[in-house]
Amino acid sequence: MDPVLLAMLVDGAVFLLFVVGVVWLLKRLRRRATEGRASDGLAIPPSGGWTELAARFATDLPPPRLLAERVSVMVGPVAWKNCVAVGVGPDALFLAVEVPLLGAMGKRPLKIPWSEIGDGGPTTLYWKAARLLVVGRPTLATVTLPGALRDELVRLGHLAG
């Protein structure tokens, strides 16, 4: 086969793969942009973060029951990777930042009443199944929990299945 023809075929294949990749990426971005809807169909507005939640739900009480430590959680736009303790009580979800060697990094523990938590739908967190929770009425912030942790909260009867 002529080297010029072979080079044209390779260039064409590379270009085709590039176009397919761009189309795939655009579809994912579009889906992600339109996916942020609460279970009642209302759009979830851009949310606050830990500071906004702490202004309303800060606590100094320890959780009655600690479910997991060093959990990856997203609060608003910030991902807290492997540094959040999650606890439950009969009336609230407890979240606390616990960064090794650095402590709470100035973030107060949170006690979010179950009545303030709504389901925002399925999502992903670090390429794994997760669940978006909408906090506050009207929405104050969003919290993304790993799917397994959310399933445990459903099993315990704290969240609707």
Protein backbone atom coordinates (compact mmCIF):
# COMPACT_ATOMS: atom_id res chain seq x y z
CA MET A 1 0.00 0.00 0.00
CA ASP A 2 1.20 3.47 -0.89
CA PRO A 3 2.54 5.34 2.21
CA VAL A 4 0.67 8.52 1.25
CA LEU A 5 -2.64 6.64 1.07
CA LEU A 6 -1.91 4.91 4.37
CA ALA A 7 -1.15 8.28 6.03
CA MET A 8 -4.43 9.71 4.69
CA LEU A 9 -6.38 6.72 6.08
CA VAL A 10 -4.73 7.07 9.50
CA ASP A 11 -5.39 10.84 9.53
CA GLY A 12 -9.01 10.24 8.58
CA ALA A 13 -9.44 7.63 11.33
CA VAL A 14 -7.87 9.92 13.95
CA PHE A 15 -10.11 12.80 12.87
CA LEU A 16 -13.20 10.56 13.01
CA LEU A 17 -12.29 9.41 16.54
CA PHE A 18 -11.78 13.04 17.55
CA VAL A 19 -15.22 14.04 16.25
CA VAL A 20 -16.89 11.07 17.96
CA GLY A 21 -15.14 11.99 21.23
CA VAL A 22 -16.25 15.63 21.03
CA VAL A 23 -19.86 14.61 20.31
CA TRP A 24 -19.81 12.16 23.24
CA LEU A 25 -18.40 14.83 25.56
CA LEU A 26 -20.99 17.41 24.48
CA LYS A 27 -23.83 14.92 25.07
CA ARG A 28 -22.54 14.19 28.58
CA LEU A 29 -22.21 17.88 29.39
CA ARG A 30 -25.73 18.58 28.12
CA ARG A 31 -27.17 15.69 30.13
CA ARG A 32 -25.34 16.83 33.24
CA ALA A 33 -26.60 20.39 32.80
CA THR A 34 -30.23 19.29 32.49
CA GLU A 35 -30.08 16.49 35.07
CA GLY A 36 -30.22 18.77 38.12
CA ARG A 37 -33.91 18.44 38.83
CA ALA A 38 -35.58 17.69 42.12
CA SER A 39 -38.02 14.79 42.38
CA ASP A 40 -40.91 17.27 42.15
CA GLY A 41 -39.58 18.42 38.77
CA LEU A 42 -38.37 21.83 39.95
CA ALA A 43 -34.93 22.91 38.87
CA ILE A 44 -32.29 22.82 41.61
CA PRO A 45 -30.66 26.26 41.74
CA PRO A 46 -26.91 26.64 42.18
CA SER A 47 -26.32 25.80 45.79
CA GLY A 48 -24.31 27.06 48.67
CA GLY A 49 -21.67 25.10 50.48
CA TRP A 50 -20.61 24.12 53.97
CA THR A 51 -20.50 27.71 55.23
CA GLU A 52 -24.14 28.35 54.24
CA LEU A 53 -25.22 25.10 55.87
CA ALA A 54 -23.23 25.88 59.03
CA ALA A 55 -24.92 29.26 59.34
CA ARG A 56 -28.22 27.43 59.83
CA PHE A 57 -27.39 23.88 60.96
CA ALA A 58 -24.12 24.10 62.97
CA THR A 59 -23.91 21.97 66.10
CA ASP A 60 -21.50 21.05 68.86
CA LEU A 61 -23.32 17.82 69.68
CA PRO A 62 -21.80 14.48 68.68
CA PRO A 63 -23.99 12.23 66.52
CA PRO A 64 -25.95 9.61 68.48
CA ARG A 65 -24.80 7.00 65.96
CA LEU A 66 -21.73 7.26 63.72
CA LEU A 67 -22.38 5.54 60.37
CA ALA A 68 -19.09 6.08 58.56
CA GLU A 69 -15.81 7.95 58.73
CA ARG A 70 -13.53 9.19 55.97
CA VAL A 71 -16.38 9.31 53.46
CA SER A 72 -16.23 11.28 50.22
CA VAL A 73 -19.08 13.78 50.17
CA MET A 74 -19.83 16.76 47.96
CA VAL A 75 -21.39 19.80 49.62
CA GLY A 76 -22.46 22.33 47.02
CA PRO A 77 -19.64 22.61 44.50
CA VAL A 78 -16.90 21.37 46.87
CA ALA A 79 -15.87 17.72 47.08
CA TRP A 80 -14.59 16.58 50.48
CA LYS A 81 -12.66 13.43 49.58
CA ASN A 82 -12.23 10.81 52.30
CA CYS A 83 -12.54 13.31 55.14
CA VAL A 84 -16.17 13.50 56.27
CA ALA A 85 -17.72 11.65 59.19
CA VAL A 86 -21.41 10.83 58.74
CA GLY A 87 -23.71 10.15 61.65
CA VAL A 88 -27.43 9.83 62.21
CA GLY A 89 -29.88 10.64 64.93
CA PRO A 90 -33.63 10.17 65.12
CA ASP A 91 -34.17 13.74 63.96
CA ALA A 92 -31.10 14.67 61.89
CA LEU A 93 -28.18 13.81 59.63
CA PHE A 94 -24.78 14.72 61.09
CA LEU A 95 -21.78 15.70 58.93
CA ALA A 96 -18.32 16.68 60.19
CA VAL A 97 -15.06 17.39 58.37
CA GLU A 98 -12.12 15.41 59.79
CA VAL A 99 -8.98 15.96 57.70
CA PRO A 100 -6.01 13.96 59.04
CA LEU A 101 -3.43 16.24 60.72
CA LEU A 102 -5.51 19.34 59.89
CA GLY A 103 -8.69 18.70 61.86
CA ALA A 104 -11.93 20.35 60.86
CA MET A 105 -10.29 23.02 58.66
CA GLY A 106 -12.50 25.66 60.29
CA LYS A 107 -15.72 23.88 59.30
CA ARG A 108 -18.26 23.40 62.09
CA PRO A 109 -20.09 20.06 62.34
CA LEU A 110 -23.58 20.03 60.86
CA LYS A 111 -26.85 18.67 62.20
CA ILE A 112 -29.36 18.76 59.33
CA PRO A 113 -32.95 17.84 60.28
CA TRP A 114 -34.49 15.09 58.17
CA SER A 115 -37.41 17.43 57.43
CA GLU A 116 -34.98 19.77 55.61
CA ILE A 117 -33.60 17.04 53.32
CA GLY A 118 -35.19 16.21 49.97
CA ASP A 119 -34.20 13.84 47.17
CA GLY A 120 -32.48 15.47 44.20
CA GLY A 121 -32.06 12.27 42.21
CA PRO A 122 -29.23 9.98 41.14
CA THR A 123 -25.81 11.31 40.22
CA THR A 124 -22.17 10.20 40.41
CA LEU A 125 -19.36 11.00 42.80
CA TYR A 126 -15.85 9.98 41.78
CA TRP A 127 -17.29 7.80 39.00
CA LYS A 128 -19.48 5.80 41.40
CA ALA A 129 -23.24 5.83 41.94
CA ALA A 130 -24.32 8.54 44.35
CA ARG A 131 -27.42 10.45 45.39
CA LEU A 132 -27.98 14.19 45.39
CA LEU A 133 -29.79 15.48 48.46
CA VAL A 134 -31.41 18.92 48.42
CA VAL A 135 -31.14 20.73 51.78
CA GLY A 136 -33.46 23.50 52.90
CA ARG A 137 -36.79 24.95 51.83
CA PRO A 138 -36.07 26.89 49.60
CA THR A 139 -32.86 25.15 48.58
CA LEU A 140 -29.93 26.26 50.70
CA ALA A 141 -27.38 23.73 49.44
CA THR A 142 -26.99 20.29 47.95
CA VAL A 143 -25.18 17.32 49.49
CA THR A 144 -24.04 14.37 47.40
CA LEU A 145 -23.63 11.09 49.30
CA PRO A 146 -22.19 7.81 48.01
CA GLY A 147 -24.94 5.45 46.87
CA ALA A 148 -24.15 2.80 49.49
CA LEU A 149 -24.40 5.35 52.32
CA ARG A 150 -27.69 6.69 50.99
CA ASP A 151 -29.00 3.09 50.76
CA GLU A 152 -28.06 2.59 54.43
CA LEU A 153 -30.00 5.73 55.36
CA VAL A 154 -33.02 4.36 53.47
CA ARG A 155 -32.63 1.00 55.23
CA LEU A 156 -32.58 2.76 58.60
CA GLY A 157 -35.79 4.57 57.65
CA HIS A 158 -34.36 8.09 57.60
CA LEU A 159 -34.78 8.71 53.86
CA ALA A 160 -37.55 7.61 51.51
CA GLY A 161 -36.62 4.75 49.19
